[in-house]
Amino acid sequence: MKVFHCDHCQQLVFFENTVCVSCGNTLAYLPDLDLMGSLEPTGDGAWRSPLPRAEGRLYRLCDNYTRENVCNWAVPVFDPHPLCQSCRLTRIIPNLSRPGQKEAWYKLEVAKRRLVYTLLRLGCPIENRIDDPEHGLAYEFLADVQAPGTSPVLTGHADGVITVNVGEADDVERERRRIRLHEPYRTLLGHFRHEVGHYYWDRLIKDSPRIDEFRERFGDEREDYAQALQRHYDQGPPADWPQRFVSAYSSSHPWEDWAETWAHYLHMTDTLEMAAACGLSLRPRRSDEPTLKSPPLAPGTRPFAAFDRLIEGWFPLTYVLNNLNRGMGLPDGYPFVLSTPAVEKLRFVHETLNDTPT
């Protein structure tokens, strides 16, 4: 993520803002310009940006912005779709007649917009199910039905459709599940990054020339998936999983290893981009402490930063992140230790993205 400023008054603004708190101008994310910008109404339902590079461009606000207040993206006025690029990926929303579901929907869309931002910056193919019925991506936000004999909604991916249990948007419920499942890290954005990793395995790895190398790094995905997961939940991860995997869940099956590694790569690149945008550097007083002269920018444009540079910037950044959290009495923001095999799997994700046509 980048640092954004209001183009009227230069006030710092954030990716979720809809109004500048300093000058009161309407704000929206403009995907074609890759920025949070102010917009001025034209009087006929359209909006324009005051930026010189937006001259001649007109926008509409996403319908979920104007009608539902769960979005803050704009749509080029010539685009016939009423929803923005992120919102049109959602084909089932929560039941808004139930208490708390509107707030949950907002949180789900916030996390998805951050994911879409990163995917666009990485140059990933991202089509919706309407425009590309065969390969497109769709989200369904479903809640558990409180009735005898019903099964809980499982967050997961199947053939381009990602289901997210609405309960994951409840901070208390998500923390309860995190503790019950003995997970050091569980966030709503993390779910979105993980599940879309399964989607991109189908798009970028399955039936591709990279499948053999994938199996060398991650294992043979043809192993029975249901049996592998059942074994994981019955017996737990192998004792040596930290020496081979990015997380305990990664050890359950090669597909999950890929999805966890993919999500981790997105954690890294988005955080490194923000650190670079903030001008963060580390100049320790001792020579044996982590040093960060200038974080490598995340791959927003081709060619990507070299993977070794990303890793060299990542370890010092996690050092300061965890120490800052501990200073606030919070758990580590980065509760992971990357082994050499896990780093090489991250390298595979990086190289896969680098080879993906834009």
Protein backbone atom coordinates (compact mmCIF):
# COMPACT_ATOMS: atom_id res chain seq x y z
CA MET A 1 0.00 0.00 0.00
CA LYS A 2 1.13 3.53 -0.75
CA VAL A 3 0.78 6.71 1.27
CA PHE A 4 -1.97 8.98 -0.08
CA HIS A 5 -2.65 12.70 0.31
CA CYS A 6 -5.63 14.87 -0.56
CA ASP A 7 -4.85 16.62 -3.85
CA HIS A 8 -6.67 19.75 -2.62
CA CYS A 9 -5.03 20.38 0.75
CA GLN A 10 -2.28 17.71 0.98
CA GLN A 11 -3.83 16.24 4.13
CA LEU A 12 -2.80 12.64 4.77
CA VAL A 13 -5.64 10.30 3.77
CA PHE A 14 -6.06 6.56 4.04
CA PHE A 15 -7.22 3.88 1.64
CA GLU A 16 -10.60 3.57 3.38
CA ASN A 17 -11.43 7.31 3.53
CA THR A 18 -14.44 8.81 1.73
CA VAL A 19 -14.01 12.44 2.82
CA CYS A 20 -10.93 14.53 3.55
CA VAL A 21 -11.12 15.44 7.24
CA SER A 22 -9.28 18.71 6.54
CA CYS A 23 -11.02 20.28 3.53
CA GLY A 24 -14.18 18.15 3.32
CA ASN A 25 -13.78 17.13 -0.31
CA THR A 26 -15.17 13.79 -1.50
CA LEU A 27 -12.50 11.11 -1.88
CA ALA A 28 -12.45 7.93 -3.93
CA TYR A 29 -9.90 5.42 -5.10
CA LEU A 30 -9.28 5.86 -8.83
CA PRO A 31 -7.95 2.51 -10.12
CA ASP A 32 -6.95 3.94 -13.50
CA LEU A 33 -4.67 6.44 -11.73
CA ASP A 34 -3.75 4.15 -8.83
CA LEU A 35 -4.45 6.77 -6.17
CA MET A 36 -6.89 8.07 -3.62
CA GLY A 37 -8.08 11.31 -5.17
CA SER A 38 -10.58 14.07 -4.52
CA LEU A 39 -13.53 14.40 -6.88
CA GLU A 40 -15.65 17.36 -7.91
CA PRO A 41 -19.26 16.89 -9.10
CA THR A 42 -19.96 17.99 -12.67
CA GLY A 43 -23.68 18.51 -12.07
CA ASP A 44 -24.89 15.62 -14.23
CA GLY A 45 -24.09 12.73 -11.88
CA ALA A 46 -20.48 12.48 -12.99
CA TRP A 47 -17.34 13.47 -11.10
CA ARG A 48 -13.97 14.80 -12.19
CA SER A 49 -10.53 14.81 -10.63
CA PRO A 50 -8.64 18.12 -10.42
CA LEU A 51 -5.32 16.41 -11.20
CA PRO A 52 -3.69 17.39 -14.51
CA ARG A 53 -3.14 13.76 -15.48
CA ALA A 54 -6.87 13.11 -15.06
CA GLU A 55 -7.83 15.84 -17.55
CA GLY A 56 -10.66 14.68 -19.76
CA ARG A 57 -11.57 11.74 -17.50
CA LEU A 58 -14.96 11.52 -15.82
CA TYR A 59 -16.05 9.10 -13.12
CA ARG A 60 -19.10 7.68 -11.39
CA LEU A 61 -19.10 6.51 -7.79
CA CYS A 62 -19.60 2.78 -7.29
CA ASP A 63 -23.23 1.97 -6.48
CA ASN A 64 -22.06 0.40 -3.22
CA TYR A 65 -20.52 3.79 -2.42
CA THR A 66 -23.58 5.93 -3.09
CA ARG A 67 -26.33 3.51 -2.00
CA GLU A 68 -24.82 1.22 0.62
CA ASN A 69 -21.80 3.14 1.99
CA VAL A 70 -19.64 0.00 1.96
CA CYS A 71 -17.28 1.09 -0.85
CA ASN A 72 -15.14 4.11 -1.75
CA TRP A 73 -14.04 3.36 -5.32
CA ALA A 74 -14.87 5.22 -8.50
CA VAL A 75 -15.74 3.82 -11.92
CA PRO A 76 -14.83 5.43 -15.27
CA VAL A 77 -17.98 7.04 -16.60
CA PHE A 78 -17.83 5.03 -19.83
CA ASP A 79 -17.91 1.73 -17.89
CA PRO A 80 -21.53 0.46 -18.08
CA HIS A 81 -21.24 -1.62 -14.89
CA PRO A 82 -22.76 0.09 -11.81
CA LEU A 83 -20.19 -1.47 -9.47
CA CYS A 84 -16.44 -0.94 -9.21
CA GLN A 85 -13.88 -3.57 -10.14
CA SER A 86 -13.74 -4.89 -6.59
CA CYS A 87 -17.45 -4.92 -5.77
CA ARG A 88 -18.43 -6.68 -8.98
CA LEU A 89 -16.45 -9.70 -7.79
CA THR A 90 -19.02 -10.23 -5.01
CA ARG A 91 -22.06 -12.20 -6.14
CA ILE A 92 -23.63 -12.99 -2.75
CA ILE A 93 -23.68 -10.44 0.06
CA PRO A 94 -24.72 -11.04 3.69
CA ASN A 95 -28.38 -10.94 4.66
CA LEU A 96 -28.70 -7.27 5.56
CA SER A 97 -31.94 -7.84 7.48
CA ARG A 98 -29.96 -9.59 10.22
CA PRO A 99 -28.34 -7.44 12.92
CA GLY A 100 -24.67 -6.74 12.37
CA GLN A 101 -24.60 -8.02 8.79
CA LYS A 102 -24.23 -4.57 7.20
CA GLU A 103 -21.18 -3.89 9.36
CA ALA A 104 -19.78 -7.32 8.51
CA TRP A 105 -20.30 -6.69 4.79
CA TYR A 106 -18.40 -3.42 5.08
CA LYS A 107 -15.43 -5.15 6.76
CA LEU A 108 -15.43 -7.91 4.14
CA GLU A 109 -15.39 -5.41 1.28
CA VAL A 110 -12.63 -3.36 2.94
CA ALA A 111 -10.43 -6.46 3.11
CA LYS A 112 -11.28 -7.44 -0.46
CA ARG A 113 -10.44 -3.99 -1.80
CA ARG A 114 -7.01 -4.18 -0.19
CA LEU A 115 -6.53 -7.57 -1.80
CA VAL A 116 -7.63 -6.30 -5.22
CA TYR A 117 -5.30 -3.32 -4.91
CA THR A 118 -2.35 -5.66 -4.31
CA LEU A 119 -3.36 -8.02 -7.13
CA LEU A 120 -3.57 -5.11 -9.55
CA ARG A 121 -0.16 -3.86 -8.42
CA LEU A 122 1.29 -7.34 -8.92
CA GLY A 123 -0.14 -7.57 -12.43
CA CYS A 124 -2.35 -10.58 -11.66
CA PRO A 125 -5.22 -11.44 -14.02
CA ILE A 126 -8.42 -10.48 -12.18
CA GLU A 127 -11.66 -10.89 -14.10
CA ASN A 128 -15.09 -11.27 -12.57
CA ARG A 129 -17.41 -14.19 -13.19
CA ILE A 130 -19.73 -12.21 -15.48
CA ASP A 131 -17.06 -11.03 -17.89
CA ASP A 132 -15.22 -14.37 -17.83
CA PRO A 133 -17.61 -17.21 -16.84
CA GLU A 134 -14.90 -19.84 -17.32
CA HIS A 135 -11.92 -18.33 -15.50
CA GLY A 136 -13.42 -15.41 -13.58
CA LEU A 137 -13.35 -14.92 -9.80
CA ALA A 138 -16.43 -14.64 -7.56
CA TYR A 139 -17.01 -14.13 -3.83
CA GLU A 140 -19.91 -15.38 -1.74
CA PHE A 141 -20.29 -13.99 1.79
CA LEU A 142 -22.40 -16.51 3.72
CA ALA A 143 -23.42 -16.76 7.36
CA ASP A 144 -24.07 -19.87 9.42
CA VAL A 145 -27.73 -20.85 9.67
CA GLN A 146 -28.81 -21.19 13.27
CA ALA A 147 -30.98 -24.29 12.89
CA PRO A 148 -30.67 -27.90 14.09
CA GLY A 149 -28.89 -30.20 11.69
CA THR A 150 -27.25 -27.44 9.60
CA SER A 151 -23.53 -27.41 8.89
CA PRO A 152 -21.39 -24.30 9.37
CA VAL A 153 -20.28 -22.32 6.34
CA LEU A 154 -16.70 -23.20 5.46
CA THR A 155 -14.41 -20.49 4.16
CA GLY A 156 -12.78 -21.89 1.05
CA HIS A 157 -12.29 -21.94 -2.71
CA ALA A 158 -13.84 -24.12 -5.41
CA ASP A 159 -13.47 -23.56 -9.17
CA GLY A 160 -13.03 -19.80 -8.96
CA VAL A 161 -15.71 -19.21 -6.29
CA ILE A 162 -14.43 -18.10 -2.89
CA THR A 163 -16.77 -18.49 0.07
CA VAL A 164 -16.10 -16.47 3.20
CA ASN A 165 -17.96 -17.13 6.43
CA VAL A 166 -19.41 -13.80 7.56
CA GLY A 167 -18.47 -14.72 11.13
CA GLU A 168 -14.82 -14.05 10.23
CA ALA A 169 -15.70 -10.32 10.14
CA ASP A 170 -16.56 -10.48 13.85
CA ASP A 171 -13.32 -9.74 15.74
CA VAL A 172 -14.40 -11.69 18.83
CA GLU A 173 -15.52 -14.75 16.87
CA ARG A 174 -12.41 -14.74 14.70
CA GLU A 175 -10.17 -14.55 17.77
CA ARG A 176 -12.10 -17.42 19.36
CA ARG A 177 -11.48 -19.55 16.28
CA ARG A 178 -7.83 -18.53 16.16
CA ILE A 179 -7.28 -19.72 19.73
CA ARG A 180 -9.30 -22.91 19.25
CA LEU A 181 -7.28 -23.84 16.16
CA HIS A 182 -3.93 -22.87 17.79
CA GLU A 183 -3.13 -20.34 15.06
CA PRO A 184 -0.62 -17.55 15.74
CA TYR A 185 -2.12 -15.41 12.97
CA ARG A 186 -5.71 -15.13 11.74
CA THR A 187 -7.05 -11.97 10.10
CA LEU A 188 -9.80 -11.15 7.64
CA LEU A 189 -7.30 -9.88 5.07
CA GLY A 190 -5.24 -13.02 5.63
CA HIS A 191 -8.27 -15.15 4.68
CA PHE A 192 -8.73 -13.22 1.46
CA ARG A 193 -5.07 -13.56 0.54
CA HIS A 194 -4.99 -17.28 1.33
CA GLU A 195 -8.15 -18.25 -0.56
CA VAL A 196 -7.26 -16.26 -3.65
CA GLY A 197 -3.98 -18.20 -3.63
CA HIS A 198 -5.99 -21.33 -4.44
CA TYR A 199 -7.61 -19.49 -7.32
CA TYR A 200 -4.25 -18.44 -8.73
CA TRP A 201 -2.88 -21.96 -8.39
CA ASP A 202 -5.54 -22.94 -10.92
CA ARG A 203 -4.72 -19.92 -13.11
CA LEU A 204 -0.92 -19.93 -12.95
CA ILE A 205 0.29 -23.40 -11.95
CA LYS A 206 -2.24 -26.09 -12.91
CA ASP A 207 -1.53 -27.50 -16.40
CA SER A 208 1.34 -25.02 -16.81
CA PRO A 209 5.04 -25.65 -17.49
CA ARG A 210 5.68 -24.76 -13.83
CA ILE A 211 3.82 -27.80 -12.45
CA ASP A 212 6.91 -30.03 -12.23
CA GLU A 213 8.90 -27.41 -10.34
CA PHE A 214 5.88 -26.83 -8.10
CA ARG A 215 5.84 -30.51 -7.16
CA GLU A 216 9.56 -30.44 -6.44
CA ARG A 217 9.13 -27.49 -4.04
CA PHE A 218 5.70 -28.12 -2.50
CA GLY A 219 4.95 -31.82 -3.06
CA ASP A 220 2.51 -33.73 -5.25
CA GLU A 221 -0.91 -32.08 -5.14
CA ARG A 222 -2.49 -35.28 -6.50
CA GLU A 223 -2.41 -36.67 -2.95
CA ASP A 224 -6.00 -37.13 -1.71
CA TYR A 225 -6.94 -33.69 -0.38
CA ALA A 226 -9.77 -34.71 1.96
CA GLN A 227 -7.69 -37.45 3.55
CA ALA A 228 -4.71 -35.11 3.96
CA LEU A 229 -6.83 -32.50 5.77
CA GLN A 230 -8.46 -35.12 8.00
CA ARG A 231 -5.03 -36.44 8.95
CA HIS A 232 -3.89 -32.91 9.74
CA TYR A 233 -6.86 -32.22 12.03
CA ASP A 234 -6.63 -35.65 13.68
CA GLN A 235 -2.86 -35.84 14.17
CA GLY A 236 -1.65 -32.26 13.86
CA PRO A 237 1.34 -31.08 11.83
CA PRO A 238 4.63 -33.01 11.73
CA ALA A 239 7.05 -32.10 14.51
CA ASP A 240 9.56 -30.62 12.07
CA TRP A 241 7.10 -28.41 10.19
CA PRO A 242 8.94 -25.14 11.14
CA GLN A 243 11.98 -26.38 9.21
CA ARG A 244 9.98 -26.85 5.99
CA PHE A 245 6.83 -24.74 5.95
CA VAL A 246 5.72 -21.16 6.48
CA SER A 247 2.94 -22.28 8.86
CA ALA A 248 1.66 -25.45 10.51
CA TYR A 249 -1.36 -25.52 8.20
CA SER A 250 0.96 -25.42 5.18
CA SER A 251 2.06 -28.96 6.04
CA SER A 252 -1.43 -30.43 5.51
CA HIS A 253 -1.33 -30.63 1.69
CA PRO A 254 0.67 -29.06 -1.20
CA TRP A 255 -2.34 -26.93 -2.18
CA GLU A 256 -2.46 -25.44 1.32
CA ASP A 257 1.30 -25.00 1.33
CA TRP A 258 0.99 -22.96 -1.87
CA ALA A 259 -1.96 -20.89 -0.58
CA GLU A 260 -0.20 -20.12 2.72
CA THR A 261 3.02 -19.22 0.90
CA TRP A 262 1.13 -17.09 -1.62
CA ALA A 263 -0.64 -15.22 1.19
CA HIS A 264 2.69 -14.71 2.94
CA TYR A 265 4.19 -13.22 -0.21
CA LEU A 266 1.30 -10.74 -0.36
CA HIS A 267 1.84 -9.88 3.31
CA MET A 268 5.48 -9.15 2.52
CA THR A 269 5.07 -7.08 -0.62
CA ASP A 270 2.23 -4.93 0.70
CA THR A 271 4.03 -4.20 3.98
CA LEU A 272 7.34 -3.50 2.26
CA GLU A 273 5.63 -1.09 -0.12
CA MET A 274 4.13 0.79 2.81
CA ALA A 275 7.46 0.89 4.66
CA ALA A 276 9.16 2.31 1.57
CA ALA A 277 6.36 4.83 1.02
CA CYS A 278 6.78 6.02 4.63
CA GLY A 279 10.54 6.39 4.14
CA LEU A 280 11.30 3.89 6.87
CA SER A 281 14.92 3.00 7.54
CA LEU A 282 16.76 1.39 10.46
CA ARG A 283 20.10 2.71 11.67
CA PRO A 284 20.85 0.74 14.85
CA ARG A 285 23.44 1.81 17.38
CA ARG A 286 25.02 -1.64 17.32
CA SER A 287 26.51 -3.15 14.19
CA ASP A 288 25.12 -6.61 14.99
CA GLU A 289 21.47 -5.45 14.91
CA PRO A 290 19.23 -5.47 11.80
CA THR A 291 19.83 -2.60 9.39
CA LEU A 292 17.43 -1.33 6.76
CA LYS A 293 18.77 1.47 4.61
CA SER A 294 15.82 1.65 2.23
CA PRO A 295 13.06 -0.96 1.91
CA PRO A 296 12.72 -2.31 -1.64
CA LEU A 297 9.45 -1.19 -3.15
CA ALA A 298 6.91 -3.92 -3.69
CA PRO A 299 6.48 -4.93 -7.31
CA GLY A 300 4.07 -2.25 -8.44
CA THR A 301 5.55 -2.08 -11.91
CA ARG A 302 7.53 -4.51 -14.03
CA PRO A 303 10.23 -5.60 -13.63
CA PHE A 304 9.74 -6.62 -10.02
CA ALA A 305 12.37 -5.92 -7.41
CA ALA A 306 14.82 -8.82 -7.14
CA PHE A 307 13.56 -11.43 -4.69
CA ASP A 308 16.78 -11.38 -2.65
CA ARG A 309 16.28 -7.64 -2.10
CA LEU A 310 12.74 -8.26 -0.89
CA ILE A 311 13.93 -10.84 1.63
CA GLU A 312 16.83 -8.66 2.77
CA GLY A 313 14.37 -5.88 3.48
CA TRP A 314 11.77 -8.13 5.06
CA PHE A 315 13.71 -9.54 8.00
CA PRO A 316 14.75 -6.14 9.46
CA LEU A 317 11.20 -4.86 8.98
CA THR A 318 9.70 -7.75 10.96
CA TYR A 319 12.28 -7.15 13.70
CA VAL A 320 11.10 -3.59 14.24
CA LEU A 321 7.42 -4.49 13.74
CA ASN A 322 7.48 -7.10 16.50
CA ASN A 323 9.42 -4.87 18.87
CA LEU A 324 7.00 -1.99 18.35
CA ASN A 325 4.06 -4.30 19.05
CA ARG A 326 5.68 -5.57 22.22
CA GLY A 327 6.22 -1.99 23.32
CA MET A 328 2.45 -1.52 23.09
CA GLY A 329 1.74 -4.75 24.96
CA LEU A 330 0.44 -6.46 21.83
CA PRO A 331 1.28 -9.88 20.37
CA ASP A 332 3.92 -10.02 17.66
CA GLY A 333 2.62 -8.53 14.44
CA TYR A 334 4.70 -11.09 12.58
CA PRO A 335 4.52 -14.42 14.49
CA PHE A 336 6.51 -16.41 11.92
CA VAL A 337 10.03 -17.74 11.42
CA LEU A 338 11.03 -18.38 7.80
CA SER A 339 13.21 -21.43 7.18
CA THR A 340 15.34 -21.75 4.05
CA PRO A 341 12.84 -24.13 2.34
CA ALA A 342 10.00 -21.68 3.11
CA VAL A 343 12.01 -18.82 1.62
CA GLU A 344 12.62 -20.86 -1.53
CA LYS A 345 8.89 -21.46 -1.85
CA LEU A 346 8.34 -17.71 -1.57
CA ARG A 347 10.91 -17.30 -4.32
CA PHE A 348 8.85 -19.67 -6.49
CA VAL A 349 5.76 -17.47 -5.98
CA HIS A 350 7.81 -14.41 -6.88
CA GLU A 351 9.17 -16.03 -10.04
CA THR A 352 5.70 -17.25 -11.02
CA LEU A 353 4.34 -13.71 -10.79
CA ASN A 354 7.34 -12.31 -12.62
CA ASP A 355 6.64 -14.68 -15.50
CA THR A 356 2.92 -13.93 -15.66
CA PRO A 357 1.88 -11.89 -18.73
CA THR A 358 0.21 -8.59 -17.82
